[in-house]
Structure formats: structure tokens, C-alpha cells
Amino acid sequence: MIVVKRKPLEEILSYIEGHDKILLLGCQECPYGCATAGEDEVKKLVEEIKNKMKNLGKFIEISEKTLIRLCELQYVKGINDFKNEFEAVVTLSCGVGINLIADVYPEIEVYPGVNTLFMGAKLRKGIYVEKCRACGDCIVGYTAGLCPITRCPKNMLNGPCGGSKNGVCEVRKGLPCVWDQIIRRLKKRGKLEKLMEIWEAKDWRSFYGEGIRELREVESWK
């Protein structure tokens, strides 16, 4: 799940200053799971904006809509029939949705209502833990399913670094050293030889890209 967190109300208000008609757009996918972009959250933000504006002696017309997904073109086009009824959009989707809407409707001002934080696992309601950095070169097949890129503050590929003590990271106190966990897990499985190979410095182009990236599915994947 892509984990997001709603921006402060004051920042959202700064975006829409000068606009009389806006659309507040929710998303039923990842942000919905974080309780930030469902219909209830959209209505709550609408009320917060209206109350703030009322206190300032201002009036703003707010339309609201929650789409299935804002990262897919077919659903983003759902606002096409009434796109002329508002001047700007505040979206509670992740950064992918924000960019897609801005591409499809370049004439409309699009603003983020949330900050996109990380890709994480939901442990229980309201608790999310980062598990993947989406680096484009997954190595967890060699590291017992544990990602050192995500879990190690130093992004160590050939760990441990030597600074950890009693299985705890030296950079972030209280954080378990992922390389200590990897070694213990592989040793228990009798597969410690997986760590004998020294990995070269990571090619981060698979993570940062060289400009915009694109994936086209081929028939054999389907």
C-alpha cells in the first residue's frame, strides 16, 4: 500500500486561495486504506474548509467526488463531464494520481491534499510500516525476504556495518539491525552461503530513473 498523510489545513487553504469553485477529489485505493481519502474523509475536509472560510468571512463553493482509483486513466476521466464547473482540484490521492490528473487536464490547477510517504504494510488500523523502497532491483531473494535498502538507514548492501550492537542499529536507536536479522534467519535455514558474494555498489538508476519511466506489458506476462 502507498501510505499517505493529509497535509495541514493551512497549507491546503493556501493552495486554493483566490479560487471560488473547487473540486475535492477522493480515492478508494491506497489513500482510502490510510483513512485519508474515502468519502467520509472528503466530507470532513470539506467541512473544515467551509468552517475556516466562514470564520474568515469568505465563501467558497466546493464539489466533492470519490473515484475508484486516481492512478488509472479510465477512472480519472470520470470528472470529464463536469470539469468546467470548478477552477481547481484538491486531490487526496498519492502523487501518482495528482500527476495523472494534471496531465489529463492541463487547463485545471491541481493541488495535493496529502503527502505521499512510503510503500508500507498495514499491521492494524492506523499502523503502517515501510517495507519496500521500490528501488527497481529487488534482492530479498538473497536476504531472507528482508530488504536492507528499506530497513537499513545506511542502505548497506554488504552488511552488517560493524556499528550495530546487540542487534540494534547505531544510527537509529531501538531499530533492529536488519543485517543481524538476515544473518540469523539465513543461518537458521542453513543458507548463510547466500551472503558470501560481495555485491557491487547499487546502480540507483533503477530507482531514480533517467527521466520518466514506462512499463509496457507483453503478452507472455498475461
C-alpha atoms as a PDB file:
ATOM      1  CA  MET A   1       0.000   0.000   0.000  1.00  0.00           C
ATOM      2  CA  ILE A   2       1.160   3.509  -0.783  1.00  0.00           C
ATOM      3  CA  VAL A   3       0.961   5.315   2.551  1.00  0.00           C
ATOM      4  CA  VAL A   4      -0.089   8.959   2.620  1.00  0.00           C
ATOM      5  CA  LYS A   5      -0.797  11.562   5.271  1.00  0.00           C
ATOM      6  CA  ARG A   6      -3.107  14.536   4.929  1.00  0.00           C
ATOM      7  CA  LYS A   7      -1.486  17.927   4.632  1.00  0.00           C
ATOM      8  CA  PRO A   8      -2.164  20.611   7.257  1.00  0.00           C
ATOM      9  CA  LEU A   9      -5.365  22.555   6.619  1.00  0.00           C
ATOM     10  CA  GLU A  10      -3.488  25.847   6.372  1.00  0.00           C
ATOM     11  CA  GLU A  11      -1.350  24.544   3.521  1.00  0.00           C
ATOM     12  CA  ILE A  12      -4.411  23.310   1.623  1.00  0.00           C
ATOM     13  CA  LEU A  13      -6.086  26.685   2.116  1.00  0.00           C
ATOM     14  CA  SER A  14      -3.030  28.445   0.723  1.00  0.00           C
ATOM     15  CA  TYR A  15      -3.380  26.418  -2.481  1.00  0.00           C
ATOM     16  CA  ILE A  16      -6.999  27.321  -3.101  1.00  0.00           C
ATOM     17  CA  GLU A  17      -6.716  30.986  -2.162  1.00  0.00           C
ATOM     18  CA  GLY A  18      -8.273  33.079  -4.910  1.00  0.00           C
ATOM     19  CA  HIS A  19     -10.477  30.263  -6.197  1.00  0.00           C
ATOM     20  CA  ASP A  20     -14.248  30.415  -5.791  1.00  0.00           C
ATOM     21  CA  LYS A  21     -15.085  26.908  -7.036  1.00  0.00           C
ATOM     22  CA  ILE A  22     -13.017  23.834  -6.282  1.00  0.00           C
ATOM     23  CA  LEU A  23     -13.380  20.071  -6.547  1.00  0.00           C
ATOM     24  CA  LEU A  24     -12.228  17.915  -3.639  1.00  0.00           C
ATOM     25  CA  LEU A  25     -11.351  14.519  -5.033  1.00  0.00           C
ATOM     26  CA  GLY A  26     -11.065  11.310  -3.023  1.00  0.00           C
ATOM     27  CA  CYS A  27      -9.589   7.927  -3.948  1.00  0.00           C
ATOM     28  CA  GLN A  28     -10.841   4.490  -2.902  1.00  0.00           C
ATOM     29  CA  GLU A  29      -7.486   2.719  -3.234  1.00  0.00           C
ATOM     30  CA  CYS A  30      -4.312   3.189  -1.150  1.00  0.00           C
ATOM     31  CA  PRO A  31      -5.184   6.543   0.477  1.00  0.00           C
ATOM     32  CA  TYR A  32      -8.602   5.111   1.393  1.00  0.00           C
ATOM     33  CA  GLY A  33      -6.850   2.371   3.356  1.00  0.00           C
ATOM     34  CA  CYS A  34      -4.936   5.047   5.257  1.00  0.00           C
ATOM     35  CA  ALA A  35      -8.257   6.678   6.188  1.00  0.00           C
ATOM     36  CA  THR A  36      -7.356   9.862   4.356  1.00  0.00           C
ATOM     37  CA  ALA A  37      -9.252   9.796   1.062  1.00  0.00           C
ATOM     38  CA  GLY A  38     -12.544   7.943   1.454  1.00  0.00           C
ATOM     39  CA  GLU A  39     -15.947   9.614   1.239  1.00  0.00           C
ATOM     40  CA  ASP A  40     -16.016  10.305   4.982  1.00  0.00           C
ATOM     41  CA  GLU A  41     -12.565  11.932   4.886  1.00  0.00           C
ATOM     42  CA  VAL A  42     -13.550  14.020   1.865  1.00  0.00           C
ATOM     43  CA  LYS A  43     -16.678  15.276   3.633  1.00  0.00           C
ATOM     44  CA  LYS A  44     -14.670  16.025   6.764  1.00  0.00           C
ATOM     45  CA  LEU A  45     -12.165  18.134   4.850  1.00  0.00           C
ATOM     46  CA  VAL A  46     -14.972  19.955   3.034  1.00  0.00           C
ATOM     47  CA  GLU A  47     -16.476  20.905   6.383  1.00  0.00           C
ATOM     48  CA  GLU A  48     -13.119  22.036   7.739  1.00  0.00           C
ATOM     49  CA  ILE A  49     -12.527  24.255   4.711  1.00  0.00           C
ATOM     50  CA  LYS A  50     -16.028  25.737   4.809  1.00  0.00           C
ATOM     51  CA  ASN A  51     -15.840  26.454   8.537  1.00  0.00           C
ATOM     52  CA  LYS A  52     -12.470  28.124   8.161  1.00  0.00           C
ATOM     53  CA  MET A  53     -13.689  30.228   5.264  1.00  0.00           C
ATOM     54  CA  LYS A  54     -16.824  31.176   7.201  1.00  0.00           C
ATOM     55  CA  ASN A  55     -14.707  32.396  10.098  1.00  0.00           C
ATOM     56  CA  LEU A  56     -12.738  34.495   7.646  1.00  0.00           C
ATOM     57  CA  GLY A  57     -15.934  35.918   6.171  1.00  0.00           C
ATOM     58  CA  LYS A  58     -15.344  34.220   2.837  1.00  0.00           C
ATOM     59  CA  PHE A  59     -17.443  31.876   0.737  1.00  0.00           C
ATOM     60  CA  ILE A  60     -16.174  29.062  -1.445  1.00  0.00           C
ATOM     61  CA  GLU A  61     -18.171  26.550  -3.476  1.00  0.00           C
ATOM     62  CA  ILE A  62     -16.838  23.013  -3.017  1.00  0.00           C
ATOM     63  CA  SER A  63     -17.856  19.982  -5.048  1.00  0.00           C
ATOM     64  CA  GLU A  64     -16.806  16.543  -3.827  1.00  0.00           C
ATOM     65  CA  LYS A  65     -16.293  13.226  -5.560  1.00  0.00           C
ATOM     66  CA  THR A  66     -14.546   9.961  -4.690  1.00  0.00           C
ATOM     67  CA  LEU A  67     -13.300   7.831  -7.567  1.00  0.00           C
ATOM     68  CA  ILE A  68     -12.315   4.161  -7.563  1.00  0.00           C
ATOM     69  CA  ARG A  69      -8.686   4.910  -8.417  1.00  0.00           C
ATOM     70  CA  LEU A  70      -6.869   8.076  -9.369  1.00  0.00           C
ATOM     71  CA  CYS A  71      -3.854   6.230 -10.779  1.00  0.00           C
ATOM     72  CA  GLU A  72      -5.802   4.872 -13.777  1.00  0.00           C
ATOM     73  CA  LEU A  73      -6.784   6.935 -16.778  1.00  0.00           C
ATOM     74  CA  GLN A  74     -10.215   5.345 -17.197  1.00  0.00           C
ATOM     75  CA  TYR A  75     -11.291   6.478 -13.716  1.00  0.00           C
ATOM     76  CA  VAL A  76      -9.676   9.912 -13.844  1.00  0.00           C
ATOM     77  CA  LYS A  77     -11.771  10.638 -16.914  1.00  0.00           C
ATOM     78  CA  GLY A  78     -14.776  10.370 -14.610  1.00  0.00           C
ATOM     79  CA  ILE A  79     -14.600  14.087 -13.921  1.00  0.00           C
ATOM     80  CA  ASN A  80     -14.610  14.980 -17.621  1.00  0.00           C
ATOM     81  CA  ASP A  81     -18.374  15.668 -17.775  1.00  0.00           C
ATOM     82  CA  PHE A  82     -18.240  18.402 -15.149  1.00  0.00           C
ATOM     83  CA  LYS A  83     -14.668  19.688 -15.440  1.00  0.00           C
ATOM     84  CA  ASN A  84     -15.919  23.162 -16.372  1.00  0.00           C
ATOM     85  CA  GLU A  85     -17.820  23.510 -13.098  1.00  0.00           C
ATOM     86  CA  PHE A  86     -14.723  24.166 -10.964  1.00  0.00           C
ATOM     87  CA  GLU A  87     -11.497  26.172 -11.176  1.00  0.00           C
ATOM     88  CA  ALA A  88      -9.132  23.936  -9.245  1.00  0.00           C
ATOM     89  CA  VAL A  89      -8.834  20.420  -7.839  1.00  0.00           C
ATOM     90  CA  VAL A  90      -7.556  19.320  -4.446  1.00  0.00           C
ATOM     91  CA  THR A  91      -6.898  15.594  -4.569  1.00  0.00           C
ATOM     92  CA  LEU A  92      -6.395  13.254  -1.641  1.00  0.00           C
ATOM     93  CA  SER A  93      -4.661  10.665  -3.805  1.00  0.00           C
ATOM     94  CA  CYS A  94      -0.966   9.826  -3.795  1.00  0.00           C
ATOM     95  CA  GLY A  95       1.437  11.727  -6.027  1.00  0.00           C
ATOM     96  CA  VAL A  96       0.689   9.397  -8.934  1.00  0.00           C
ATOM     97  CA  GLY A  97      -2.935  10.488  -9.053  1.00  0.00           C
ATOM     98  CA  ILE A  98      -2.017  14.149  -8.759  1.00  0.00           C
ATOM     99  CA  ASN A  99       0.358  13.927 -11.719  1.00  0.00           C
ATOM    100  CA  LEU A 100      -2.096  11.953 -13.857  1.00  0.00           C
ATOM    101  CA  ILE A 101      -4.891  14.474 -13.311  1.00  0.00           C
ATOM    102  CA  ALA A 102      -2.515  17.314 -14.152  1.00  0.00           C
ATOM    103  CA  ASP A 103      -1.568  15.543 -17.396  1.00  0.00           C
ATOM    104  CA  VAL A 104      -5.140  14.783 -18.438  1.00  0.00           C
ATOM    105  CA  TYR A 105      -6.472  18.242 -17.548  1.00  0.00           C
ATOM    106  CA  PRO A 106      -3.590  20.699 -18.065  1.00  0.00           C
ATOM    107  CA  GLU A 107      -6.002  23.625 -18.035  1.00  0.00           C
ATOM    108  CA  ILE A 108      -7.049  22.868 -14.446  1.00  0.00           C
ATOM    109  CA  GLU A 109      -4.957  23.762 -11.404  1.00  0.00           C
ATOM    110  CA  VAL A 110      -4.361  20.577  -9.381  1.00  0.00           C
ATOM    111  CA  TYR A 111      -3.146  20.616  -5.773  1.00  0.00           C
ATOM    112  CA  PRO A 112      -2.138  17.841  -3.358  1.00  0.00           C
ATOM    113  CA  GLY A 113      -4.174  17.357  -0.220  1.00  0.00           C
ATOM    114  CA  VAL A 114      -1.793  14.725   1.142  1.00  0.00           C
ATOM    115  CA  ASN A 115       1.903  13.943   1.381  1.00  0.00           C
ATOM    116  CA  THR A 116       2.961  10.621  -0.149  1.00  0.00           C
ATOM    117  CA  LEU A 117       5.192   8.913   2.408  1.00  0.00           C
ATOM    118  CA  PHE A 118       6.171   5.349   1.533  1.00  0.00           C
ATOM    119  CA  MET A 119       5.118   1.844   0.482  1.00  0.00           C
ATOM    120  CA  GLY A 120       4.109   0.028   3.627  1.00  0.00           C
ATOM    121  CA  ALA A 121       2.295  -2.882   5.211  1.00  0.00           C
ATOM    122  CA  LYS A 122      -0.797  -2.383   7.330  1.00  0.00           C
ATOM    123  CA  LEU A 123      -0.241  -4.109  10.662  1.00  0.00           C
ATOM    124  CA  ARG A 124      -3.516  -2.961  12.156  1.00  0.00           C
ATOM    125  CA  LYS A 125      -5.824   0.021  11.870  1.00  0.00           C
ATOM    126  CA  GLY A 126      -3.783   3.190  11.753  1.00  0.00           C
ATOM    127  CA  ILE A 127      -0.419   1.401  11.935  1.00  0.00           C
ATOM    128  CA  TYR A 128       1.676   1.205   8.756  1.00  0.00           C
ATOM    129  CA  VAL A 129       5.313   0.163   8.452  1.00  0.00           C
ATOM    130  CA  GLU A 130       7.541   0.813   5.459  1.00  0.00           C
ATOM    131  CA  LYS A 131       8.555  -2.435   3.759  1.00  0.00           C
ATOM    132  CA  CYS A 132       9.646  -1.521   0.227  1.00  0.00           C
ATOM    133  CA  ARG A 133      11.521   1.376  -1.390  1.00  0.00           C
ATOM    134  CA  ALA A 134      10.501   0.375  -4.942  1.00  0.00           C
ATOM    135  CA  CYS A 135      14.175   0.507  -5.966  1.00  0.00           C
ATOM    136  CA  GLY A 136      13.582  -1.474  -9.155  1.00  0.00           C
ATOM    137  CA  ASP A 137      16.199  -4.149  -8.357  1.00  0.00           C
ATOM    138  CA  CYS A 138      14.786  -6.458  -5.680  1.00  0.00           C
ATOM    139  CA  ILE A 139      17.354  -8.530  -3.784  1.00  0.00           C
ATOM    140  CA  VAL A 140      15.249 -10.005  -0.983  1.00  0.00           C
ATOM    141  CA  GLY A 141      15.563 -13.436  -2.603  1.00  0.00           C
ATOM    142  CA  TYR A 142      19.131 -13.419  -1.264  1.00  0.00           C
ATOM    143  CA  THR A 143      18.381 -11.727   2.057  1.00  0.00           C
ATOM    144  CA  ALA A 144      15.715 -14.000   3.551  1.00  0.00           C
ATOM    145  CA  GLY A 145      12.859 -11.757   2.455  1.00  0.00           C
ATOM    146  CA  LEU A 146      14.166  -8.740   4.379  1.00  0.00           C
ATOM    147  CA  CYS A 147      15.006  -5.571   2.446  1.00  0.00           C
ATOM    148  CA  PRO A 148      18.240  -3.857   3.568  1.00  0.00           C
ATOM    149  CA  ILE A 149      17.573  -0.938   1.222  1.00  0.00           C
ATOM    150  CA  THR A 150      14.415  -0.084   3.143  1.00  0.00           C
ATOM    151  CA  ARG A 151      15.276  -1.240   6.655  1.00  0.00           C
ATOM    152  CA  CYS A 152      18.887  -0.109   6.945  1.00  0.00           C
ATOM    153  CA  PRO A 153      19.410   3.661   7.404  1.00  0.00           C
ATOM    154  CA  LYS A 154      22.752   3.285   5.593  1.00  0.00           C
ATOM    155  CA  ASN A 155      21.270   1.208   2.733  1.00  0.00           C
ATOM    156  CA  MET A 156      24.016  -1.347   3.339  1.00  0.00           C
ATOM    157  CA  LEU A 157      24.300  -3.987   0.615  1.00  0.00           C
ATOM    158  CA  ASN A 158      27.110  -5.906   2.305  1.00  0.00           C
ATOM    159  CA  GLY A 159      26.268  -5.701   5.960  1.00  0.00           C
ATOM    160  CA  PRO A 160      26.291  -5.514   8.821  1.00  0.00           C
ATOM    161  CA  CYS A 161      28.242  -2.261   9.001  1.00  0.00           C
ATOM    162  CA  GLY A 162      30.047  -3.026  12.262  1.00  0.00           C
ATOM    163  CA  GLY A 163      28.364  -0.257  14.183  1.00  0.00           C
ATOM    164  CA  SER A 164      25.352  -2.214  15.352  1.00  0.00           C
ATOM    165  CA  LYS A 165      25.424  -3.585  18.878  1.00  0.00           C
ATOM    166  CA  ASN A 166      23.366  -6.437  20.286  1.00  0.00           C
ATOM    167  CA  GLY A 167      21.323  -6.490  17.107  1.00  0.00           C
ATOM    168  CA  VAL A 168      20.368  -2.815  17.321  1.00  0.00           C
ATOM    169  CA  CYS A 169      21.146  -0.140  14.707  1.00  0.00           C
ATOM    170  CA  GLU A 170      23.719   2.516  15.647  1.00  0.00           C
ATOM    171  CA  VAL A 171      22.028   5.213  13.564  1.00  0.00           C
ATOM    172  CA  ARG A 172      18.518   4.870  14.912  1.00  0.00           C
ATOM    173  CA  LYS A 173      18.326   3.695  18.488  1.00  0.00           C
ATOM    174  CA  GLY A 174      15.776   0.964  19.039  1.00  0.00           C
ATOM    175  CA  LEU A 175      15.689  -0.067  15.397  1.00  0.00           C
ATOM    176  CA  PRO A 176      16.636  -3.732  14.907  1.00  0.00           C
ATOM    177  CA  CYS A 177      19.661  -4.181  12.656  1.00  0.00           C
ATOM    178  CA  VAL A 178      18.222  -5.767   9.536  1.00  0.00           C
ATOM    179  CA  TRP A 179      21.542  -7.387   8.680  1.00  0.00           C
ATOM    180  CA  ASP A 180      21.643  -9.049  12.066  1.00  0.00           C
ATOM    181  CA  GLN A 181      18.148 -10.364  11.328  1.00  0.00           C
ATOM    182  CA  ILE A 182      19.156 -11.510   7.843  1.00  0.00           C
ATOM    183  CA  ILE A 183      22.207 -13.388   9.090  1.00  0.00           C
ATOM    184  CA  ARG A 184      20.312 -15.079  11.892  1.00  0.00           C
ATOM    185  CA  ARG A 185      17.497 -16.120   9.578  1.00  0.00           C
ATOM    186  CA  LEU A 186      19.788 -17.494   6.868  1.00  0.00           C
ATOM    187  CA  LYS A 187      21.943 -19.277   9.448  1.00  0.00           C
ATOM    188  CA  LYS A 188      18.872 -20.960  10.902  1.00  0.00           C
ATOM    189  CA  ARG A 189      17.922 -22.124   7.414  1.00  0.00           C
ATOM    190  CA  GLY A 190      21.419 -23.386   6.687  1.00  0.00           C
ATOM    191  CA  LYS A 191      21.777 -20.940   3.795  1.00  0.00           C
ATOM    192  CA  LEU A 192      24.355 -18.488   5.104  1.00  0.00           C
ATOM    193  CA  GLU A 193      26.414 -19.044   1.954  1.00  0.00           C
ATOM    194  CA  LYS A 194      23.993 -16.736   0.147  1.00  0.00           C
ATOM    195  CA  LEU A 195      25.901 -13.836   1.708  1.00  0.00           C
ATOM    196  CA  MET A 196      29.334 -14.936   0.548  1.00  0.00           C
ATOM    197  CA  GLU A 197      29.060 -12.961  -2.685  1.00  0.00           C
ATOM    198  CA  ILE A 198      30.114  -9.312  -2.426  1.00  0.00           C
ATOM    199  CA  TRP A 199      27.672  -7.026  -4.186  1.00  0.00           C
ATOM    200  CA  GLU A 200      28.957  -4.069  -6.132  1.00  0.00           C
ATOM    201  CA  ALA A 201      27.667  -0.578  -5.471  1.00  0.00           C
ATOM    202  CA  LYS A 202      23.996  -0.377  -6.366  1.00  0.00           C
ATOM    203  CA  ASP A 203      23.005   1.178  -9.681  1.00  0.00           C
ATOM    204  CA  TRP A 204      20.394   3.629  -8.446  1.00  0.00           C
ATOM    205  CA  ARG A 205      19.152   4.432 -11.936  1.00  0.00           C
ATOM    206  CA  SER A 206      16.564   1.692 -11.482  1.00  0.00           C
ATOM    207  CA  PHE A 207      15.234   3.712  -8.541  1.00  0.00           C
ATOM    208  CA  TYR A 208      15.649   7.306  -9.620  1.00  0.00           C
ATOM    209  CA  GLY A 209      15.236   6.645 -13.327  1.00  0.00           C
ATOM    210  CA  GLU A 210      16.557   8.819 -16.121  1.00  0.00           C
ATOM    211  CA  GLY A 211      13.529  10.987 -16.591  1.00  0.00           C
ATOM    212  CA  ILE A 212      10.058   9.479 -16.769  1.00  0.00           C
ATOM    213  CA  ARG A 213       9.855   5.672 -16.859  1.00  0.00           C
ATOM    214  CA  GLU A 214       7.306   3.471 -18.582  1.00  0.00           C
ATOM    215  CA  LEU A 215       6.370  -0.194 -18.388  1.00  0.00           C
ATOM    216  CA  ARG A 216       4.569  -1.871 -21.247  1.00  0.00           C
ATOM    217  CA  GLU A 217       3.162  -5.311 -20.584  1.00  0.00           C
ATOM    218  CA  VAL A 218       3.936  -8.052 -23.073  1.00  0.00           C
ATOM    219  CA  GLU A 219       1.655 -10.923 -23.983  1.00  0.00           C
ATOM    220  CA  SER A 220       3.756 -13.540 -22.188  1.00  0.00           C
ATOM    221  CA  TRP A 221       3.125 -11.840 -18.827  1.00  0.00           C
ATOM    222  CA  LYS A 222      -0.648 -12.150 -19.037  1.00  0.00           C
END
